[in-house]
């Protein structure tokens, strides 16, 4: 009998016992980017690897625009993504683990913007077009202004692609965009395509951002294990800058 059970286990496909986390990802220098061999690297990638190892899972990265990723996370077609703010319309379908870091945004523009931008009203009153990723949350004050002030919102085009927005500046299709302050400072110092661009005094405090796990594709016990693993990592690596 034992021999028979062994043969059954031997011939069953290993995939039945396998575990795979489907993680939405996009190019975001410092947090998630591909090296010359196509391997994903960065602080968020390090976190994903640690969490996947903690529950003995493999990782499958899915390159998808942010807004589409949120939709897929809600339906369970992907299991996880990061850089998420806790919003009322997300809580039903997404479990939030973290925070991973506190997020602030800065405005970077081409050199053709001669004025210095200090406020949302400056943006509304200047003759320039900026880009905004569809589905991204840029803080309460920005959201309120964007919804209530048509003159302000008319200054933005919403993008639903994963293509870098810097390409649109270089092609002179837009004049600027908001991105994480840490990234902007890094880009202006080290990335060739950002040379000659400038960062403005206006900033947005977006608060804490989290890793989101799908309640549709992951059971409560698995999410609890992932949360525990993240807290262990946070205590273990206090010096890591993304904490």
Foldseek 3Di string as FASTA:
>chain_A
DVVVVVVVVVPPDCVVVAAEAEEEDFDDPQQWDADPVRDIDHDVVVLVVLLCVLVVHHYDYDYFAPQVRLVCLQQVVGFKYWQADDDPVRVVWKDWADLQAWFKKWKKFALVPVDFDADLVVQLPDPFAEEDEPPDDQADVVVVCCVPPPSSVVSYDYDGGSDDCLVCRVVVVGTIYMDTPVRLVVCCVPPPSRPRMDIHNYMTGRTTMTMIGTCNNDPPVSVVSSNVSSVVVCVVCVVDPSD
